């Protein structure tokens, strides 16, 4: 049974239970990132002044919350496992929180019937038995290959002595491998809080048309927790395969932990390319895929390292 059938009753019940809801402070100049344990299935706000942006085509765990000045409201989020999360929304010109990781213990309940929950539990159990170790090994070997390629920087952002660089974006299988680089030229060590990837569409100055969708990584290779003074760290994020349209751009955010340094790297706009199933070309734009000889070398590289 679809989750949508349960939303009206559940949403009305949460309106009368503000006291049990957690409070979120938002405004129209900053995004509050909510990272849920499972992909978001549906989100509803009580007033149009508040909006939670999330990927409705390919469900992901991240939702981006913004609001305009006005009356307080509430937010109901339902994830794919049927858990519902309720929040009280308040507009505030200034707030310090930029992201929040949500735990399942914060859910107000589950809207799915018992039979559906049992079916989902069996599905998760079968999924866990499909040898996830082999998937992780493939991601690691492919990430190692892309990391060792001698690529030039496609785009870089400099601020406060820190440099965030985008070195490569390549397709392999059903995933996209994004090679990033952090260089510390400042006088203070940089402790990494988070690195987030987004697909941005439109002009951020025009709130009505601007949209920023999170690209949730399924694997991280050599992601640093600390970049000391003078160090350069390269790492790889693996995300589900995606393409950028002519009006979209890749956006990368790097935030310092226990500090105020933040870098936002915005990729250039690229013309859309259509790739045939039997064609493997290489483009200088971020939407590149492997040419035939590189693809073959990667297969041999993966097989040889698997045999070791």
Protein backbone atom coordinates (compact mmCIF):
# COMPACT_ATOMS: atom_id res chain seq x y z
CA UNK A 1 0.00 0.00 0.00
CA UNK A 2 1.35 3.41 -0.92
CA UNK A 3 2.65 5.75 1.76
CA UNK A 4 0.58 8.59 0.34
CA UNK A 5 -2.64 7.01 1.64
CA UNK A 6 -1.47 7.41 5.23
CA UNK A 7 -0.14 10.98 5.02
CA UNK A 8 -3.34 13.07 5.48
CA UNK A 9 -4.32 11.45 8.79
CA UNK A 10 -0.77 11.42 10.10
CA UNK A 11 -0.18 15.05 9.11
CA UNK A 12 -3.34 16.21 10.91
CA UNK A 13 -2.32 14.28 14.02
CA UNK A 14 1.07 15.98 14.13
CA UNK A 15 -0.49 19.44 13.97
CA UNK A 16 -1.98 18.85 17.41
CA UNK A 17 1.31 17.54 18.77
CA UNK A 18 3.73 20.45 18.32
CA UNK A 19 5.04 19.96 21.83
CA UNK A 20 6.41 16.54 20.87
CA UNK A 21 8.11 17.80 17.71
CA UNK A 22 11.70 18.92 17.44
CA UNK A 23 12.19 22.58 16.45
CA UNK A 24 14.07 23.56 13.31
CA UNK A 25 15.20 27.15 12.65
CA UNK A 26 15.37 28.21 8.99
CA UNK A 27 15.55 31.30 6.81
CA UNK A 28 15.66 32.29 3.14
CA UNK A 29 19.44 32.77 2.85
CA UNK A 30 20.77 29.45 4.22
CA UNK A 31 20.04 25.80 3.56
CA UNK A 32 19.52 23.40 6.46
CA UNK A 33 20.53 19.88 5.37
CA UNK A 34 18.59 17.03 6.98
CA UNK A 35 20.20 13.61 6.53
CA UNK A 36 17.78 10.77 7.29
CA UNK A 37 18.63 7.08 7.89
CA UNK A 38 16.63 6.04 4.80
CA UNK A 39 15.70 7.81 1.52
CA UNK A 40 12.86 10.33 1.72
CA UNK A 41 9.57 9.10 0.29
CA UNK A 42 7.38 12.14 0.99
CA UNK A 43 7.61 15.50 2.77
CA UNK A 44 4.79 17.92 3.61
CA UNK A 45 4.89 21.38 5.21
CA UNK A 46 1.97 23.16 6.82
CA UNK A 47 2.65 26.47 5.06
CA UNK A 48 3.98 27.40 1.64
CA UNK A 49 6.57 29.68 3.28
CA UNK A 50 8.58 26.57 4.12
CA UNK A 51 9.90 24.00 1.67
CA UNK A 52 11.94 20.82 1.94
CA UNK A 53 13.71 20.06 -1.34
CA UNK A 54 14.48 16.40 -2.02
CA UNK A 55 15.03 14.17 -5.02
CA UNK A 56 11.65 12.74 -6.04
CA UNK A 57 12.96 10.92 -9.11
CA UNK A 58 15.71 8.95 -7.34
CA UNK A 59 14.95 8.91 -3.59
CA UNK A 60 17.89 9.99 -1.43
CA UNK A 61 18.51 10.48 2.27
CA UNK A 62 19.19 14.22 2.14
CA UNK A 63 16.57 16.97 2.24
CA UNK A 64 17.32 20.72 1.99
CA UNK A 65 15.09 22.95 4.11
CA UNK A 66 14.47 26.69 3.59
CA UNK A 67 11.81 29.15 4.70
CA UNK A 68 10.57 32.68 4.24
CA UNK A 69 9.63 35.05 7.02
CA UNK A 70 6.14 34.45 8.35
CA UNK A 71 4.12 32.36 10.77
CA UNK A 72 5.53 29.22 12.35
CA UNK A 73 4.60 25.92 10.74
CA UNK A 74 5.38 22.22 10.86
CA UNK A 75 7.05 19.58 8.70
CA UNK A 76 6.28 15.89 8.28
CA UNK A 77 8.82 13.62 6.57
CA UNK A 78 8.20 9.97 5.71
CA UNK A 79 11.10 7.74 4.67
CA UNK A 80 11.00 4.60 2.53
CA UNK A 81 10.92 2.31 5.56
CA UNK A 82 7.64 3.93 6.69
CA UNK A 83 9.11 5.92 9.60
CA UNK A 84 7.62 9.39 10.10
CA UNK A 85 9.49 12.40 11.50
CA UNK A 86 7.74 15.55 12.74
CA UNK A 87 9.29 19.01 13.19
CA UNK A 88 8.17 22.45 14.31
CA UNK A 89 9.40 25.16 11.90
CA UNK A 90 10.43 28.64 13.02
CA UNK A 91 11.84 31.44 10.86
CA UNK A 92 14.99 33.01 12.26
CA UNK A 93 17.31 35.50 10.54
CA UNK A 94 20.43 33.95 12.05
CA UNK A 95 21.17 30.40 13.17
CA UNK A 96 24.32 28.30 13.48
CA UNK A 97 23.06 24.84 12.46
CA UNK A 98 23.85 23.97 8.82
CA UNK A 99 23.11 20.24 8.85
CA UNK A 100 21.62 17.56 11.04
CA UNK A 101 21.88 13.77 11.02
CA UNK A 102 18.55 12.22 11.99
CA UNK A 103 18.35 8.96 13.96
CA UNK A 104 15.56 6.39 13.74
CA UNK A 105 14.96 6.88 17.47
CA UNK A 106 13.65 10.38 16.65
CA UNK A 107 10.78 9.04 14.53
CA UNK A 108 7.25 9.54 15.88
CA UNK A 109 6.06 6.22 14.50
CA UNK A 110 5.73 3.95 11.49
CA UNK A 111 2.83 4.40 9.07
CA UNK A 112 3.19 1.07 7.26
CA UNK A 113 1.00 -1.92 8.21
CA UNK A 114 2.64 -4.87 9.94
CA UNK A 115 2.65 -7.06 6.81
CA UNK A 116 4.52 -4.41 4.83
CA UNK A 117 7.11 -4.05 7.59
CA UNK A 118 7.69 -7.80 7.64
CA UNK A 119 8.09 -7.80 3.86
CA UNK A 120 10.63 -4.98 4.01
CA UNK A 121 12.60 -6.80 6.72
CA UNK A 122 12.80 -9.91 4.53
CA UNK A 123 13.87 -7.79 1.56
CA UNK A 124 16.66 -6.16 3.56
CA UNK A 125 17.80 -9.57 4.75
CA UNK A 126 17.99 -10.93 1.20
CA UNK A 127 19.83 -7.81 0.07
CA UNK A 128 22.44 -8.29 2.81
CA UNK A 129 23.12 -11.80 1.54
CA UNK A 130 24.03 -10.64 -1.98
CA UNK A 131 27.73 -10.46 -1.20
CA UNK A 132 28.14 -6.72 -0.47
CA UNK A 133 31.89 -7.35 -0.02
CA UNK A 134 32.30 -7.80 -3.79
CA UNK A 135 30.59 -4.44 -4.44
CA UNK A 136 32.89 -2.69 -1.97
CA UNK A 137 35.91 -4.37 -3.59
CA UNK A 138 34.84 -3.17 -7.03
CA UNK A 139 34.34 0.38 -5.78
CA UNK A 140 37.72 0.34 -4.07
CA UNK A 141 39.63 -1.00 -7.07
CA UNK A 142 37.95 1.39 -9.50
CA UNK A 143 38.47 4.33 -7.12
CA UNK A 144 42.14 3.42 -6.83
CA UNK A 145 42.44 3.40 -10.62
CA UNK A 146 40.84 6.82 -11.08
CA UNK A 147 42.83 8.28 -8.19
CA UNK A 148 46.13 7.19 -9.74
CA UNK A 149 45.36 8.69 -13.14
CA UNK A 150 47.38 11.82 -13.87
CA UNK A 151 44.49 14.24 -14.30
CA UNK A 152 44.67 18.01 -14.38
CA UNK A 153 42.38 20.08 -12.19
CA UNK A 154 39.07 20.75 -13.95
CA UNK A 155 37.96 23.41 -11.50
CA UNK A 156 39.25 24.84 -8.21
CA UNK A 157 38.01 27.11 -5.44
CA UNK A 158 40.44 29.04 -3.18
CA UNK A 159 39.59 30.63 0.15
CA UNK A 160 41.49 31.37 3.38
CA UNK A 161 44.53 29.46 2.20
CA UNK A 162 42.51 26.34 1.35
CA UNK A 163 42.05 24.95 -2.17
CA UNK A 164 39.22 22.59 -3.13
CA UNK A 165 39.79 21.02 -6.54
CA UNK A 166 37.75 18.83 -8.89
CA UNK A 167 40.12 16.56 -10.81
CA UNK A 168 37.93 14.03 -12.58
CA UNK A 169 34.34 12.85 -13.05
CA UNK A 170 34.06 9.52 -14.88
CA UNK A 171 31.46 6.83 -15.48
CA UNK A 172 32.16 3.17 -14.79
CA UNK A 173 29.31 0.67 -14.72
CA UNK A 174 26.28 2.19 -13.01
CA UNK A 175 28.30 4.62 -10.90
CA UNK A 176 30.02 7.98 -11.28
CA UNK A 177 33.50 8.37 -9.80
CA UNK A 178 34.34 11.91 -8.65
CA UNK A 179 37.98 12.64 -7.82
CA UNK A 180 38.49 15.55 -5.41
CA UNK A 181 41.52 17.27 -3.92
CA UNK A 182 42.01 19.40 -0.80
CA UNK A 183 45.21 21.43 -0.40
CA UNK A 184 46.09 23.33 2.77
CA UNK A 185 48.25 26.42 2.16
CA UNK A 186 47.11 28.14 5.33
CA UNK A 187 48.87 28.30 8.69
CA UNK A 188 46.26 26.15 10.49
CA UNK A 189 45.42 22.46 10.13
CA UNK A 190 42.04 21.85 8.51
CA UNK A 191 39.77 19.27 10.16
CA UNK A 192 37.12 18.10 7.69
CA UNK A 193 33.53 18.15 8.92
CA UNK A 194 31.82 17.08 5.70
CA UNK A 195 32.09 17.09 1.92
CA UNK A 196 28.72 17.25 0.14
CA UNK A 197 27.92 16.96 -3.56
CA UNK A 198 24.93 18.57 -5.25
CA UNK A 199 23.27 19.02 -8.63
CA UNK A 200 22.35 22.71 -8.77
CA UNK A 201 19.75 24.07 -11.19
CA UNK A 202 18.87 27.71 -11.76
CA UNK A 203 20.03 30.97 -10.21
CA UNK A 204 20.42 30.99 -6.39
CA UNK A 205 19.29 34.63 -6.37
CA UNK A 206 15.89 33.52 -7.72
CA UNK A 207 14.53 31.33 -4.94
CA UNK A 208 11.45 30.26 -6.91
CA UNK A 209 13.47 28.61 -9.70
CA UNK A 210 16.60 27.52 -7.81
CA UNK A 211 16.96 23.88 -6.85
CA UNK A 212 19.83 22.01 -5.23
CA UNK A 213 19.63 18.20 -5.10
CA UNK A 214 22.05 16.16 -3.04
CA UNK A 215 24.22 13.47 -4.64
CA UNK A 216 24.54 10.91 -1.87
CA UNK A 217 27.77 8.86 -2.05
CA UNK A 218 27.52 5.08 -1.93
CA UNK A 219 31.28 4.74 -1.33
CA UNK A 220 34.12 7.00 -0.17
CA UNK A 221 37.74 6.19 -0.93
CA UNK A 222 40.53 7.76 1.17
CA UNK A 223 38.35 10.64 2.35
CA UNK A 224 40.56 12.62 4.79
CA UNK A 225 39.50 13.64 8.28
CA UNK A 226 42.39 16.09 8.61
CA UNK A 227 44.48 18.08 6.12
CA UNK A 228 47.57 19.37 7.87
CA UNK A 229 49.43 22.53 6.86
CA UNK A 230 51.21 22.01 3.55
CA UNK A 231 49.45 18.70 2.79
CA UNK A 232 47.47 17.75 -0.32
CA UNK A 233 44.82 15.05 0.01
CA UNK A 234 43.11 13.36 -2.94
CA UNK A 235 40.08 11.14 -2.53
CA UNK A 236 37.14 9.68 -4.48
CA UNK A 237 33.39 9.87 -4.01
CA UNK A 238 31.29 7.20 -5.76
CA UNK A 239 27.69 8.19 -6.48
CA UNK A 240 24.91 6.68 -8.60
CA UNK A 241 25.36 7.47 -12.29
CA UNK A 242 23.99 10.87 -13.29
CA UNK A 243 24.18 13.39 -16.13
CA UNK A 244 23.99 17.17 -16.04
CA UNK A 245 21.64 19.03 -18.34
CA UNK A 246 22.57 22.33 -19.96
CA UNK A 247 21.11 24.27 -17.04
CA UNK A 248 22.59 22.13 -14.29
CA UNK A 249 25.99 22.30 -12.64
CA UNK A 250 27.91 20.19 -10.17
CA UNK A 251 28.36 21.81 -6.75
CA UNK A 252 30.74 20.65 -4.01
CA UNK A 253 30.73 21.98 -0.44
CA UNK A 254 33.60 21.53 2.02
CA UNK A 255 33.01 22.49 5.67
CA UNK A 256 35.57 22.73 8.45
CA UNK A 257 34.81 20.99 11.75
CA UNK A 258 34.91 23.26 14.81
CA UNK A 259 35.78 26.18 12.51
CA UNK A 260 34.25 28.70 10.16
CA UNK A 261 36.13 27.91 6.95
CA UNK A 262 33.85 26.74 4.16
CA UNK A 263 34.52 26.31 0.44
CA UNK A 264 31.86 25.98 -2.26
CA UNK A 265 33.03 24.79 -5.67
CA UNK A 266 30.60 25.38 -8.53
CA UNK A 267 31.28 23.57 -11.79
CA UNK A 268 30.76 25.27 -15.10
CA UNK A 269 27.70 24.63 -17.25
CA UNK A 270 28.22 22.05 -19.95
CA UNK A 271 26.24 21.17 -23.03
CA UNK A 272 24.38 17.92 -22.69
CA UNK A 273 25.87 14.91 -24.49
CA UNK A 274 23.94 11.78 -25.42
CA UNK A 275 25.97 8.61 -25.14
CA UNK A 276 24.94 5.52 -27.10
CA UNK A 277 25.10 2.13 -25.38
CA UNK A 278 27.85 0.97 -27.78
CA UNK A 279 29.82 4.23 -27.79
CA UNK A 280 32.54 4.99 -25.28
CA UNK A 281 34.08 8.44 -25.66
CA UNK A 282 36.04 10.75 -23.41
CA UNK A 283 35.08 14.38 -22.92
CA UNK A 284 36.94 17.24 -21.24
CA UNK A 285 33.70 18.19 -19.53
CA UNK A 286 32.81 16.62 -16.15
CA UNK A 287 30.20 14.37 -17.84
CA UNK A 288 32.90 12.12 -19.25
CA UNK A 289 32.99 8.37 -19.68
CA UNK A 290 35.83 6.06 -20.55
CA UNK A 291 37.19 5.63 -24.06
CA UNK A 292 37.45 1.96 -25.24
CA UNK A 293 41.16 1.41 -24.50
CA UNK A 294 40.92 3.04 -21.06
CA UNK A 295 37.83 0.96 -20.28
CA UNK A 296 39.68 -2.23 -21.23
CA UNK A 297 42.70 -1.30 -19.10
CA UNK A 298 40.42 -0.67 -16.14
CA UNK A 299 38.86 -4.14 -16.50
CA UNK A 300 42.34 -5.75 -16.59
CA UNK A 301 43.42 -3.60 -13.63
CA UNK A 302 40.42 -4.73 -11.60
CA UNK A 303 40.87 -8.43 -12.48
CA UNK A 304 44.61 -8.46 -11.76
CA UNK A 305 44.21 -6.77 -8.40
CA UNK A 306 41.32 -9.07 -7.47
CA UNK A 307 43.52 -12.11 -8.04
CA UNK A 308 46.13 -10.81 -5.58
